[in-house]
N, C-alpha and C. Protein backbone atom coordinates (compact mmCIF):
# COMPACT_ATOMS: atom_id res chain seq x y z
N MET A 1 -4.18 4.74 -1.86
CA MET A 1 -3.83 3.56 -1.11
C MET A 1 -5.10 2.73 -0.91
N ASP A 2 -5.00 1.46 -1.24
CA ASP A 2 -6.21 0.63 -1.17
C ASP A 2 -6.60 0.35 0.29
N LEU A 3 -7.83 -0.08 0.44
CA LEU A 3 -8.41 -0.27 1.77
C LEU A 3 -7.71 -1.36 2.57
N GLU A 4 -7.26 -2.39 1.88
CA GLU A 4 -6.57 -3.49 2.55
C GLU A 4 -5.25 -3.00 3.16
N ASN A 5 -4.50 -2.20 2.41
CA ASN A 5 -3.24 -1.67 2.94
C ASN A 5 -3.49 -0.70 4.09
N GLN A 6 -4.55 0.09 4.00
CA GLN A 6 -4.90 0.99 5.10
C GLN A 6 -5.16 0.18 6.37
N ALA A 7 -5.93 -0.88 6.24
CA ALA A 7 -6.25 -1.72 7.40
C ALA A 7 -4.99 -2.35 7.98
N ARG A 8 -4.11 -2.80 7.12
CA ARG A 8 -2.87 -3.44 7.56
C ARG A 8 -1.99 -2.43 8.32
N ILE A 9 -1.87 -1.23 7.79
CA ILE A 9 -1.05 -0.20 8.43
C ILE A 9 -1.65 0.19 9.79
N LYS A 10 -2.96 0.34 9.83
CA LYS A 10 -3.62 0.68 11.09
C LYS A 10 -3.38 -0.42 12.12
N GLU A 11 -3.51 -1.66 11.71
CA GLU A 11 -3.28 -2.80 12.61
C GLU A 11 -1.85 -2.81 13.14
N PHE A 12 -0.88 -2.58 12.27
CA PHE A 12 0.52 -2.56 12.70
C PHE A 12 0.79 -1.41 13.66
N ALA A 13 0.22 -0.25 13.39
CA ALA A 13 0.41 0.90 14.28
C ALA A 13 -0.17 0.62 15.66
N GLU A 14 -1.31 -0.05 15.71
CA GLU A 14 -1.92 -0.40 16.99
C GLU A 14 -1.12 -1.47 17.71
N LYS A 15 -0.61 -2.42 16.96
CA LYS A 15 0.11 -3.55 17.55
C LYS A 15 1.51 -3.17 18.02
N PHE A 16 2.24 -2.41 17.19
CA PHE A 16 3.64 -2.11 17.46
C PHE A 16 3.90 -0.69 17.95
N GLY A 17 2.88 0.16 17.86
CA GLY A 17 3.04 1.56 18.23
C GLY A 17 3.43 2.40 17.02
N ALA A 18 2.74 3.49 16.82
CA ALA A 18 2.99 4.33 15.65
C ALA A 18 4.42 4.83 15.62
N GLU A 19 5.02 5.03 16.78
CA GLU A 19 6.40 5.52 16.83
C GLU A 19 7.41 4.50 16.31
N ASN A 20 6.99 3.26 16.14
CA ASN A 20 7.86 2.19 15.66
C ASN A 20 7.60 1.81 14.20
N ILE A 21 6.78 2.57 13.51
CA ILE A 21 6.42 2.26 12.13
C ILE A 21 6.94 3.36 11.20
N VAL A 22 7.57 2.95 10.12
CA VAL A 22 7.96 3.86 9.05
C VAL A 22 7.35 3.31 7.77
N VAL A 23 6.65 4.16 7.04
CA VAL A 23 6.02 3.75 5.79
C VAL A 23 6.92 4.17 4.65
N LEU A 24 7.23 3.23 3.78
CA LEU A 24 8.08 3.49 2.62
C LEU A 24 7.24 3.37 1.36
N LEU A 25 7.16 4.47 0.61
CA LEU A 25 6.36 4.51 -0.61
C LEU A 25 7.23 4.33 -1.85
N GLY A 26 6.58 3.96 -2.94
CA GLY A 26 7.31 3.79 -4.19
C GLY A 26 6.51 4.26 -5.39
N GLY A 27 5.45 5.03 -5.17
CA GLY A 27 4.60 5.49 -6.26
C GLY A 27 5.36 6.34 -7.28
N ALA A 28 4.91 6.28 -8.52
CA ALA A 28 5.62 6.94 -9.62
C ALA A 28 5.21 8.38 -9.85
N GLU A 29 4.16 8.84 -9.21
CA GLU A 29 3.70 10.21 -9.42
C GLU A 29 3.65 10.94 -8.08
N ALA A 30 4.03 12.20 -8.09
CA ALA A 30 4.08 13.00 -6.87
C ALA A 30 2.71 13.08 -6.20
N GLU A 31 1.68 13.32 -6.97
CA GLU A 31 0.34 13.48 -6.39
C GLU A 31 -0.12 12.19 -5.70
N ALA A 32 0.10 11.06 -6.34
CA ALA A 32 -0.30 9.78 -5.74
C ALA A 32 0.53 9.48 -4.50
N ALA A 33 1.81 9.77 -4.53
CA ALA A 33 2.67 9.56 -3.37
C ALA A 33 2.23 10.47 -2.23
N GLY A 34 1.88 11.70 -2.55
CA GLY A 34 1.42 12.63 -1.54
C GLY A 34 0.12 12.18 -0.90
N LEU A 35 -0.78 11.66 -1.69
CA LEU A 35 -2.06 11.17 -1.18
C LEU A 35 -1.83 9.98 -0.24
N ALA A 36 -0.95 9.08 -0.62
CA ALA A 36 -0.64 7.94 0.24
C ALA A 36 0.04 8.40 1.52
N ALA A 37 0.96 9.36 1.41
CA ALA A 37 1.64 9.90 2.59
C ALA A 37 0.65 10.56 3.53
N GLU A 38 -0.27 11.33 2.97
CA GLU A 38 -1.28 11.98 3.80
C GLU A 38 -2.18 10.96 4.48
N THR A 39 -2.52 9.91 3.78
CA THR A 39 -3.39 8.87 4.33
C THR A 39 -2.80 8.25 5.59
N VAL A 40 -1.51 7.90 5.56
CA VAL A 40 -0.90 7.25 6.72
C VAL A 40 -0.47 8.22 7.80
N SER A 41 -0.45 9.50 7.48
CA SER A 41 -0.05 10.50 8.47
C SER A 41 -1.26 11.18 9.10
N ALA A 42 -2.12 11.74 8.25
CA ALA A 42 -3.24 12.55 8.74
C ALA A 42 -4.58 11.83 8.70
N GLY A 43 -4.65 10.74 7.97
CA GLY A 43 -5.91 10.02 7.80
C GLY A 43 -6.35 10.06 6.35
N ASP A 44 -7.19 9.15 5.97
CA ASP A 44 -7.66 9.03 4.59
C ASP A 44 -8.48 10.27 4.20
N PRO A 45 -7.94 11.10 3.29
CA PRO A 45 -8.64 12.32 2.92
C PRO A 45 -9.92 12.07 2.12
N THR A 46 -10.09 10.85 1.60
CA THR A 46 -11.31 10.53 0.86
C THR A 46 -12.40 10.02 1.80
N PHE A 47 -12.06 9.79 3.05
CA PHE A 47 -12.99 9.28 4.06
C PHE A 47 -13.66 7.98 3.63
N ALA A 48 -12.89 7.12 2.93
CA ALA A 48 -13.46 5.88 2.42
C ALA A 48 -12.89 4.64 3.09
N GLY A 49 -11.74 4.76 3.73
CA GLY A 49 -11.09 3.56 4.23
C GLY A 49 -10.96 3.51 5.74
N PRO A 50 -10.28 2.49 6.22
CA PRO A 50 -10.09 2.30 7.65
C PRO A 50 -9.35 3.46 8.33
N LEU A 51 -8.63 4.25 7.57
CA LEU A 51 -7.91 5.39 8.14
C LEU A 51 -8.68 6.70 8.01
N ALA A 52 -9.93 6.62 7.63
CA ALA A 52 -10.77 7.82 7.56
C ALA A 52 -10.90 8.41 8.96
N GLY A 53 -10.47 9.65 9.12
CA GLY A 53 -10.55 10.30 10.41
C GLY A 53 -9.55 9.80 11.44
N VAL A 54 -8.60 8.97 11.02
CA VAL A 54 -7.61 8.40 11.92
C VAL A 54 -6.25 9.01 11.60
N SER A 55 -5.77 9.85 12.48
CA SER A 55 -4.47 10.50 12.29
C SER A 55 -3.41 9.72 13.03
N LEU A 56 -2.67 8.87 12.30
CA LEU A 56 -1.64 8.05 12.93
C LEU A 56 -0.33 8.82 13.10
N GLY A 57 -0.11 9.84 12.29
CA GLY A 57 1.11 10.62 12.38
C GLY A 57 2.37 9.85 12.03
N LEU A 58 2.24 8.81 11.21
CA LEU A 58 3.38 7.95 10.90
C LEU A 58 4.44 8.69 10.09
N ALA A 59 5.68 8.29 10.32
CA ALA A 59 6.78 8.78 9.48
C ALA A 59 6.65 8.10 8.13
N VAL A 60 6.72 8.87 7.08
CA VAL A 60 6.55 8.32 5.73
C VAL A 60 7.62 8.91 4.82
N TYR A 61 8.22 8.02 4.02
CA TYR A 61 9.27 8.40 3.09
C TYR A 61 9.00 7.75 1.74
N HIS A 62 9.61 8.29 0.71
CA HIS A 62 9.57 7.69 -0.62
C HIS A 62 10.94 7.08 -0.88
N ILE A 63 10.97 5.97 -1.58
CA ILE A 63 12.23 5.29 -1.88
C ILE A 63 13.21 6.20 -2.60
N LEU A 64 12.72 7.23 -3.28
CA LEU A 64 13.59 8.15 -4.01
C LEU A 64 14.17 9.26 -3.15
N GLU A 65 13.78 9.34 -1.89
CA GLU A 65 14.33 10.37 -1.02
C GLU A 65 15.73 9.98 -0.56
N GLU A 66 16.58 10.98 -0.45
CA GLU A 66 17.99 10.75 -0.12
C GLU A 66 18.17 10.03 1.22
N GLN A 67 17.30 10.32 2.20
CA GLN A 67 17.42 9.66 3.50
C GLN A 67 17.29 8.15 3.38
N ILE A 68 16.49 7.68 2.44
CA ILE A 68 16.31 6.25 2.24
C ILE A 68 17.38 5.70 1.31
N LYS A 69 17.63 6.41 0.23
CA LYS A 69 18.65 5.98 -0.74
C LYS A 69 19.99 5.75 -0.05
N SER A 70 20.35 6.64 0.88
CA SER A 70 21.64 6.53 1.55
C SER A 70 21.75 5.30 2.45
N LEU A 71 20.62 4.72 2.82
CA LEU A 71 20.62 3.52 3.67
C LEU A 71 20.71 2.23 2.87
N CYS A 72 20.55 2.33 1.57
CA CYS A 72 20.51 1.14 0.71
C CYS A 72 21.89 0.82 0.14
N ASP A 73 22.09 -0.46 -0.11
CA ASP A 73 23.29 -0.88 -0.84
C ASP A 73 23.25 -0.22 -2.21
N ALA A 74 24.30 0.50 -2.58
CA ALA A 74 24.31 1.29 -3.82
C ALA A 74 24.07 0.44 -5.06
N ALA A 75 24.66 -0.73 -5.12
CA ALA A 75 24.50 -1.59 -6.31
C ALA A 75 23.07 -2.09 -6.43
N VAL A 76 22.48 -2.49 -5.31
CA VAL A 76 21.11 -2.99 -5.32
C VAL A 76 20.15 -1.85 -5.68
N TYR A 77 20.38 -0.68 -5.08
CA TYR A 77 19.52 0.48 -5.37
C TYR A 77 19.58 0.80 -6.87
N GLU A 78 20.77 0.84 -7.41
CA GLU A 78 20.93 1.17 -8.83
C GLU A 78 20.23 0.14 -9.71
N GLU A 79 20.37 -1.11 -9.36
CA GLU A 79 19.75 -2.19 -10.14
C GLU A 79 18.22 -2.12 -10.08
N GLN A 80 17.68 -1.86 -8.91
CA GLN A 80 16.25 -1.92 -8.70
C GLN A 80 15.53 -0.58 -8.93
N ILE A 81 16.20 0.54 -8.63
CA ILE A 81 15.53 1.84 -8.63
C ILE A 81 16.15 2.81 -9.62
N GLY A 82 17.38 2.58 -10.03
CA GLY A 82 18.12 3.53 -10.87
C GLY A 82 17.36 4.01 -12.09
N MET A 83 16.69 3.13 -12.78
CA MET A 83 15.94 3.51 -13.97
C MET A 83 14.80 4.46 -13.63
N MET A 84 14.17 4.24 -12.48
CA MET A 84 13.08 5.11 -12.06
C MET A 84 13.56 6.55 -11.89
N GLU A 85 14.75 6.70 -11.32
CA GLU A 85 15.29 8.03 -11.09
C GLU A 85 15.46 8.81 -12.40
N MET A 86 15.71 8.09 -13.47
CA MET A 86 15.93 8.75 -14.76
C MET A 86 14.64 9.19 -15.43
N VAL A 87 13.53 8.55 -15.12
CA VAL A 87 12.29 8.83 -15.85
C VAL A 87 11.22 9.53 -15.03
N LEU A 88 11.36 9.54 -13.71
CA LEU A 88 10.35 10.16 -12.86
C LEU A 88 10.76 11.58 -12.47
N ASP A 89 9.80 12.35 -12.04
CA ASP A 89 10.06 13.70 -11.54
C ASP A 89 10.44 13.58 -10.07
N VAL A 90 11.69 13.23 -9.83
CA VAL A 90 12.17 12.96 -8.47
C VAL A 90 12.01 14.18 -7.56
N PRO A 91 12.40 15.38 -7.98
CA PRO A 91 12.22 16.53 -7.08
C PRO A 91 10.76 16.76 -6.66
N ALA A 92 9.85 16.57 -7.58
CA ALA A 92 8.42 16.76 -7.25
C ALA A 92 7.95 15.71 -6.25
N ILE A 93 8.37 14.48 -6.43
CA ILE A 93 7.99 13.40 -5.51
C ILE A 93 8.59 13.67 -4.13
N GLN A 94 9.86 14.03 -4.10
CA GLN A 94 10.52 14.32 -2.83
C GLN A 94 9.84 15.48 -2.10
N LYS A 95 9.53 16.52 -2.83
CA LYS A 95 8.90 17.70 -2.24
C LYS A 95 7.52 17.35 -1.67
N GLU A 96 6.75 16.59 -2.42
CA GLU A 96 5.40 16.22 -1.99
C GLU A 96 5.42 15.38 -0.71
N VAL A 97 6.24 14.34 -0.70
CA VAL A 97 6.26 13.43 0.45
C VAL A 97 6.90 14.11 1.67
N SER A 98 7.99 14.83 1.47
CA SER A 98 8.63 15.49 2.62
C SER A 98 7.72 16.57 3.19
N GLY A 99 6.96 17.25 2.35
CA GLY A 99 6.02 18.26 2.84
C GLY A 99 4.93 17.66 3.71
N ILE A 100 4.41 16.54 3.30
CA ILE A 100 3.39 15.84 4.10
C ILE A 100 4.01 15.37 5.41
N ARG A 101 5.21 14.81 5.34
CA ARG A 101 5.89 14.31 6.55
C ARG A 101 6.11 15.46 7.53
N GLU A 102 6.61 16.58 7.05
CA GLU A 102 6.87 17.73 7.92
C GLU A 102 5.58 18.28 8.53
N GLN A 103 4.51 18.22 7.79
CA GLN A 103 3.24 18.77 8.25
C GLN A 103 2.54 17.87 9.27
N TYR A 104 2.58 16.55 9.05
CA TYR A 104 1.74 15.66 9.84
C TYR A 104 2.46 14.64 10.72
N SER A 105 3.69 14.30 10.40
CA SER A 105 4.36 13.24 11.16
C SER A 105 4.61 13.67 12.60
N LYS A 106 4.30 12.78 13.50
CA LYS A 106 4.53 13.02 14.93
C LYS A 106 5.88 12.45 15.36
N PHE A 107 6.53 11.70 14.47
CA PHE A 107 7.75 11.01 14.86
C PHE A 107 8.91 11.36 13.97
């Protein structure tokens, strides 16, 4: 996750309260999605950005997780995301992000 997005997320959490923020990811690889999830939950593990050492505990989901998919209009989801489901390792992405959420999310 780039430094600008880290700063933006930190600012929103401070302004609106971490309990009112949900981060939605869309990365194509499980490892990258997990790193982004960890960054917004436990803090930047690379200690390079605004979230270095800052544990926001934010709720974080991936667009491919069933909890999010079920909230979307089925036709729009299929049009925008359907192809991704066919080519990505969806179980690996789901496992990575949900594991981070279960470990670090306070909300």
